Protein backbone atom coordinates (compact mmCIF):
# COMPACT_ATOMS: atom_id res chain seq x y z
CA UNK A 1 -10.04 14.51 -4.33
CA UNK A 2 -8.94 12.38 -1.42
CA UNK A 3 -10.79 10.18 1.07
CA UNK A 4 -9.95 8.41 4.31
CA UNK A 5 -11.48 6.00 6.78
CA UNK A 6 -11.44 7.23 10.36
CA UNK A 7 -12.80 5.88 13.61
CA UNK A 8 -16.07 7.76 13.10
CA UNK A 9 -16.62 6.82 9.45
CA UNK A 10 -15.55 8.11 6.03
CA UNK A 11 -14.22 11.61 5.37
CA UNK A 12 -13.36 13.78 2.40
CA UNK A 13 -9.85 15.14 2.87
CA UNK A 14 -8.43 18.57 2.08
CA UNK A 15 -4.75 17.88 2.66
CA UNK A 16 -3.61 21.39 1.79
CA UNK A 17 -5.92 22.89 4.40
CA UNK A 18 -5.17 20.08 6.85
CA UNK A 19 -8.87 19.37 7.32
CA UNK A 20 -11.54 16.78 6.57
CA UNK A 21 -15.31 16.75 6.24
CA UNK A 22 -17.43 13.78 7.32
CA UNK A 23 -19.57 11.99 4.75
CA UNK A 24 -23.05 10.79 5.72
CA UNK A 25 -23.25 7.50 3.81
CA UNK A 26 -26.79 6.85 5.06
CA UNK A 27 -28.09 9.49 2.65
CA UNK A 28 -27.27 7.57 -0.52
CA UNK A 29 -28.70 4.18 -1.42
CA UNK A 30 -26.03 1.67 -2.38
CA UNK A 31 -23.20 3.61 -0.74
CA UNK A 32 -22.51 1.95 2.60
CA UNK A 33 -18.71 2.03 2.69
CA UNK A 34 -15.64 3.76 1.31
CA UNK A 35 -15.26 0.86 -1.13
CA UNK A 36 -18.79 1.48 -2.43
CA UNK A 37 -18.07 5.17 -2.86
CA UNK A 38 -14.82 4.59 -4.73
CA UNK A 39 -16.42 2.03 -7.06
CA UNK A 40 -19.33 4.34 -7.95
CA UNK A 41 -19.62 6.18 -11.24
CA UNK A 42 -18.94 9.59 -9.67
CA UNK A 43 -17.14 9.37 -6.31
CA UNK A 44 -16.32 13.09 -6.21
CA UNK A 45 -19.84 14.21 -6.99
CA UNK A 46 -21.40 11.80 -4.52
CA UNK A 47 -18.92 12.88 -1.84
CA UNK A 48 -19.89 16.51 -2.32
CA UNK A 49 -23.53 15.50 -2.00
CA UNK A 50 -22.91 13.52 1.21
CA UNK A 51 -20.65 16.06 2.95
CA UNK A 52 -22.02 16.78 6.41
CA UNK A 53 -20.85 19.23 9.03
CA UNK A 54 -17.92 21.59 9.25
CA UNK A 55 -14.27 20.75 8.46
CA UNK A 56 -12.24 19.31 11.34
CA UNK A 57 -8.43 19.19 11.67
CA UNK A 58 -6.79 16.05 10.33
CA UNK A 59 -4.73 16.01 13.52
CA UNK A 60 -7.91 15.33 15.52
CA UNK A 61 -8.76 12.14 13.61
CA UNK A 62 -7.79 8.52 14.22
CA UNK A 63 -7.14 6.96 10.84
CA UNK A 64 -7.99 3.40 9.89
CA UNK A 65 -6.73 1.45 6.89
CA UNK A 66 -8.85 2.44 3.85
CA UNK A 67 -9.98 -1.17 3.47
CA UNK A 68 -13.47 -2.58 3.90
CA UNK A 69 -13.88 -6.17 2.71
CA UNK A 70 -11.17 -6.12 0.05
CA UNK A 71 -8.21 -8.48 -0.03
CA UNK A 72 -4.78 -6.92 -0.41
CA UNK A 73 -2.56 -8.45 -3.09
CA UNK A 74 0.99 -7.58 -4.07
CA UNK A 75 3.29 -7.73 -7.08
CA UNK A 76 6.96 -8.57 -6.78
CA UNK A 77 10.13 -7.86 -8.76
CA UNK A 78 8.65 -4.92 -10.65
CA UNK A 79 11.68 -2.67 -10.04
CA UNK A 80 15.25 -3.57 -11.01
CA UNK A 81 16.46 -2.76 -7.47
CA UNK A 82 14.02 -5.30 -6.08
CA UNK A 83 15.17 -7.90 -8.60
CA UNK A 84 18.79 -7.44 -7.55
CA UNK A 85 17.91 -7.63 -3.86
CA UNK A 86 15.88 -10.81 -4.29
CA UNK A 87 18.75 -12.38 -6.26
CA UNK A 88 21.20 -11.47 -3.50
CA UNK A 89 19.06 -12.86 -0.70
CA UNK A 90 18.39 -16.16 -2.46
CA UNK A 91 21.34 -17.27 -4.58
CA UNK A 92 19.70 -20.56 -5.48
CA UNK A 93 16.67 -18.83 -6.98
CA UNK A 94 18.47 -15.87 -8.59
CA UNK A 95 17.73 -17.16 -12.08
CA UNK A 96 14.00 -17.27 -11.41
CA UNK A 97 13.91 -13.67 -10.13
CA UNK A 98 15.76 -12.60 -13.25
CA UNK A 99 13.21 -14.39 -15.41
CA UNK A 100 10.13 -12.97 -13.68
CA UNK A 101 11.45 -9.41 -13.97
CA UNK A 102 11.37 -9.62 -17.76
CA UNK A 103 8.59 -12.19 -18.25
CA UNK A 104 5.15 -11.30 -19.54
CA UNK A 105 3.50 -12.86 -16.46
CA UNK A 106 4.24 -10.92 -13.24
CA UNK A 107 4.72 -12.30 -9.75
CA UNK A 108 1.43 -11.81 -7.88
CA UNK A 109 0.54 -13.04 -4.41
CA UNK A 110 -2.08 -12.56 -1.73
CA UNK A 111 -0.61 -10.23 0.88
CA UNK A 112 -3.37 -9.79 3.45
CA UNK A 113 -7.01 -10.19 4.31
CA UNK A 114 -8.64 -7.11 5.87
CA UNK A 115 -8.05 -8.18 9.48
CA UNK A 116 -4.30 -8.45 8.87
CA UNK A 117 -4.00 -4.85 7.60
CA UNK A 118 -3.14 -1.86 9.80
CA UNK A 119 -3.56 1.82 9.07
CA UNK A 120 -1.69 5.05 9.58
CA UNK A 121 -0.29 5.37 13.11
CA UNK A 122 -0.91 1.72 14.01
CA UNK A 123 1.91 -0.71 14.69
CA UNK A 124 3.31 -2.95 11.98
CA UNK A 125 4.99 -6.16 13.08
CA UNK A 126 8.07 -8.21 12.30
CA UNK A 127 8.10 -11.96 12.78
CA UNK A 128 9.62 -13.27 16.00
CA UNK A 129 11.22 -16.13 14.06
CA UNK A 130 12.99 -13.83 11.58
CA UNK A 131 16.20 -11.83 11.95
CA UNK A 132 16.11 -9.79 8.73
CA UNK A 133 12.99 -7.69 8.20
CA UNK A 134 12.39 -4.67 6.01
CA UNK A 135 9.56 -2.36 4.99
CA UNK A 136 8.73 -2.23 1.29
CA UNK A 137 7.20 1.11 0.26
CA UNK A 138 4.77 0.60 -2.60
CA UNK A 139 2.31 2.56 -4.67
CA UNK A 140 -0.94 0.72 -4.01
CA UNK A 141 -3.82 0.53 -6.46
CA UNK A 142 -7.43 0.69 -5.26
CA UNK A 143 -9.36 -1.47 -7.72
CA UNK A 144 -13.13 -1.79 -8.08
CA UNK A 145 -15.00 -5.10 -8.47
CA UNK A 146 -15.06 -4.55 -12.25
CA UNK A 147 -11.25 -4.13 -12.21
CA UNK A 148 -11.06 -0.37 -12.71
CA UNK A 149 -8.21 1.48 -10.99
CA UNK A 150 -10.31 3.99 -9.09
CA UNK A 151 -7.68 5.34 -6.70
CA UNK A 152 -4.20 5.14 -5.25
CA UNK A 153 -2.90 4.86 -1.70
CA UNK A 154 0.38 4.23 0.11
CA UNK A 155 1.33 0.69 1.05
CA UNK A 156 3.98 -1.04 3.14
CA UNK A 157 4.64 -4.69 2.29
CA UNK A 158 6.61 -5.68 5.41
CA UNK A 159 8.80 -8.68 4.56
CA UNK A 160 11.10 -11.20 6.23
CA UNK A 161 13.99 -11.38 3.80
CA UNK A 162 15.86 -14.18 5.55
CA UNK A 163 12.85 -16.50 5.47
CA UNK A 164 12.20 -15.88 1.78
CA UNK A 165 15.90 -16.11 1.01
CA UNK A 166 16.17 -19.50 2.70
CA UNK A 167 13.67 -20.95 0.25
CA UNK A 168 11.37 -19.11 -2.20
CA UNK A 169 8.62 -21.57 -1.27
CA UNK A 170 8.55 -19.86 2.11
CA UNK A 171 7.24 -16.66 0.47
CA UNK A 172 3.80 -16.84 2.19
CA UNK A 173 5.47 -17.05 5.61
CA UNK A 174 7.84 -14.20 4.75
CA UNK A 175 5.01 -12.00 3.53
CA UNK A 176 1.69 -12.98 5.11
CA UNK A 177 1.17 -12.64 8.85
CA UNK A 178 -0.72 -10.38 11.26
CA UNK A 179 0.43 -6.78 10.95
CA UNK A 180 2.58 -7.35 7.86
CA UNK A 181 0.64 -4.90 5.69
CA UNK A 182 -0.10 -1.23 6.18
CA UNK A 183 -2.01 1.09 3.84
CA UNK A 184 -3.28 4.65 3.94
CA UNK A 185 -3.94 7.12 5.28
CA UNK A 186 -5.54 8.66 2.18
CA UNK A 187 -6.94 7.39 -1.10
CA UNK A 188 -6.47 9.78 -4.02
CA UNK A 189 -8.91 9.39 -6.88
CA UNK A 190 -7.18 8.17 -10.03
CA UNK A 191 -8.20 11.25 -12.00
CA UNK A 192 -6.60 13.53 -9.40
CA UNK A 193 -3.17 11.83 -9.25
CA UNK A 194 -0.16 13.50 -10.87
CA UNK A 195 1.18 11.74 -13.98
CA UNK A 196 2.56 8.46 -12.60
CA UNK A 197 5.89 8.96 -14.37
CA UNK A 198 6.39 12.03 -12.16
CA UNK A 199 5.38 10.38 -8.86
CA UNK A 200 8.20 9.98 -6.36
CA UNK A 201 8.35 7.55 -3.43
CA UNK A 202 10.37 8.20 -0.28
CA UNK A 203 11.14 5.91 2.65
CA UNK A 204 12.50 7.16 5.98
CA UNK A 205 13.14 4.82 8.92
CA UNK A 206 13.79 6.55 12.24
CA UNK A 207 15.51 4.81 15.11
CA UNK A 208 15.89 6.48 18.48
CA UNK A 209 14.71 9.76 16.98
CA UNK A 210 17.41 9.70 14.29
CA UNK A 211 17.29 8.65 10.67
CA UNK A 212 18.48 5.06 10.41
CA UNK A 213 17.82 4.73 6.69
CA UNK A 214 16.27 6.74 3.91
CA UNK A 215 15.84 6.17 0.20
CA UNK A 216 13.90 7.38 -2.79
CA UNK A 217 12.66 6.06 -6.09
CA UNK A 218 10.14 6.96 -8.77
CA UNK A 219 7.17 5.13 -10.21
CA UNK A 220 8.83 5.76 -13.59
CA UNK A 221 11.35 3.05 -12.60
CA UNK A 222 8.64 0.39 -12.46
CA UNK A 223 9.02 -2.16 -15.26
CA UNK A 224 5.28 -2.82 -15.51
CA UNK A 225 2.26 -0.55 -15.75
CA UNK A 226 -0.51 -0.59 -13.14
CA UNK A 227 -2.98 -1.54 -15.85
CA UNK A 228 -0.89 -4.56 -16.86
CA UNK A 229 -0.68 -5.77 -13.27
CA UNK A 230 -4.44 -5.45 -12.80
CA UNK A 231 -5.13 -7.29 -16.04
CA UNK A 232 -3.06 -10.24 -14.83
CA UNK A 233 -4.57 -10.13 -11.36
CA UNK A 234 -8.05 -10.35 -12.84
CA UNK A 235 -7.33 -13.40 -14.98
CA UNK A 236 -9.38 -16.37 -13.82
CA UNK A 237 -10.17 -14.45 -10.61
CA UNK A 238 -12.99 -12.41 -9.15
CA UNK A 239 -12.99 -9.69 -6.51
CA UNK A 240 -16.63 -9.02 -5.59
CA UNK A 241 -15.61 -6.43 -2.98
CA UNK A 242 -12.77 -4.94 -5.02
CA UNK A 243 -9.09 -5.38 -4.24
CA UNK A 244 -5.99 -3.40 -3.28
CA UNK A 245 -2.81 -4.19 -5.21
CA UNK A 246 0.66 -3.22 -4.01
CA UNK A 247 2.84 -2.69 -7.08
CA UNK A 248 6.33 -3.60 -5.85
CA UNK A 249 9.20 -1.70 -4.31
CA UNK A 250 12.20 0.14 -5.69
CA UNK A 251 13.74 0.96 -2.29
CA UNK A 252 15.65 -1.74 -0.43
CA UNK A 253 17.67 -1.02 2.75
CA UNK A 254 21.22 -2.44 2.89
CA UNK A 255 21.65 -6.07 3.86
CA UNK A 256 22.94 -5.20 7.31
CA UNK A 257 19.76 -3.27 8.17
CA UNK A 258 16.75 -4.90 9.81
CA UNK A 259 13.66 -3.39 11.38
CA UNK A 260 13.51 -3.58 15.14
CA UNK A 261 10.93 -2.78 17.80
CA UNK A 262 10.59 0.96 18.29
CA UNK A 263 11.55 1.97 14.76
CA UNK A 264 9.19 4.36 12.98
CA UNK A 265 8.58 3.96 9.24
CA UNK A 266 7.47 6.90 7.08
CA UNK A 267 6.50 6.30 3.45
CA UNK A 268 5.64 9.33 1.34
CA UNK A 269 4.20 9.14 -2.18
CA UNK A 270 3.61 12.26 -4.25
CA UNK A 271 -0.06 13.01 -4.77
CA UNK A 272 -1.16 10.89 -1.81
CA UNK A 273 0.67 11.71 1.43
CA UNK A 274 2.67 10.03 4.19
CA UNK A 275 1.94 6.70 5.84
CA UNK A 276 3.56 6.42 9.27
CA UNK A 277 3.83 3.24 11.35
CA UNK A 278 5.83 2.39 14.45
CA UNK A 279 7.24 -1.13 14.66
CA UNK A 280 5.80 -3.35 17.38
């Protein structure tokens, strides 16, 4: 089962039919948001109970990021391709990226607070003081307050590679700014995802109506498991509203490529769908 946040509220999605049904959250005590629903003991059963009205076309809906009060965190250097790219962009820190790829402790960082996140169809941004910017397509975990992986969505960890490459201590500036994170449009319940080893990820960047770059990878190429990343994220930390965790990227455009205003980024993940964002 899949869910989405739209301008009018929360919907249950039937992607094959291309439709959605609204959920009346006022009918269930303790379920006031999508995050509440996903963290409940039986999201699918409660959704069936709260379904209200007739199906409407997905094309008629304005999607919002499937985030309520959760922070969005991210993991880095979880794919070998990402390790190589980070080493290339920052020669002075290459040794550290090599170490974190194989270390027990992963790289984890705060990516965005809810107001910095955009949803499907909204504009992502690149920094005005950066000349080398890329999208990073990432399987994103939807995690409950008690640290259960309750669902999966599509994420884009937009990054300024030149700023990070200049000095790894600039990572927050390279990663965290308004419009640097996009997630959605759908959340697939964990129990309804295909086996993660079979999940493919595809990135397509269109420029002027033509494909400027495309690449693919598979979650099977990730060096860490989602469960391991969540266990580290939860150490000495609390997420009373839950948290979203981007799990790293295995697709990196060539060094000569940089996002520019007017580009359109499509990220497709098997079992979830396609997240589309124009670049502001």
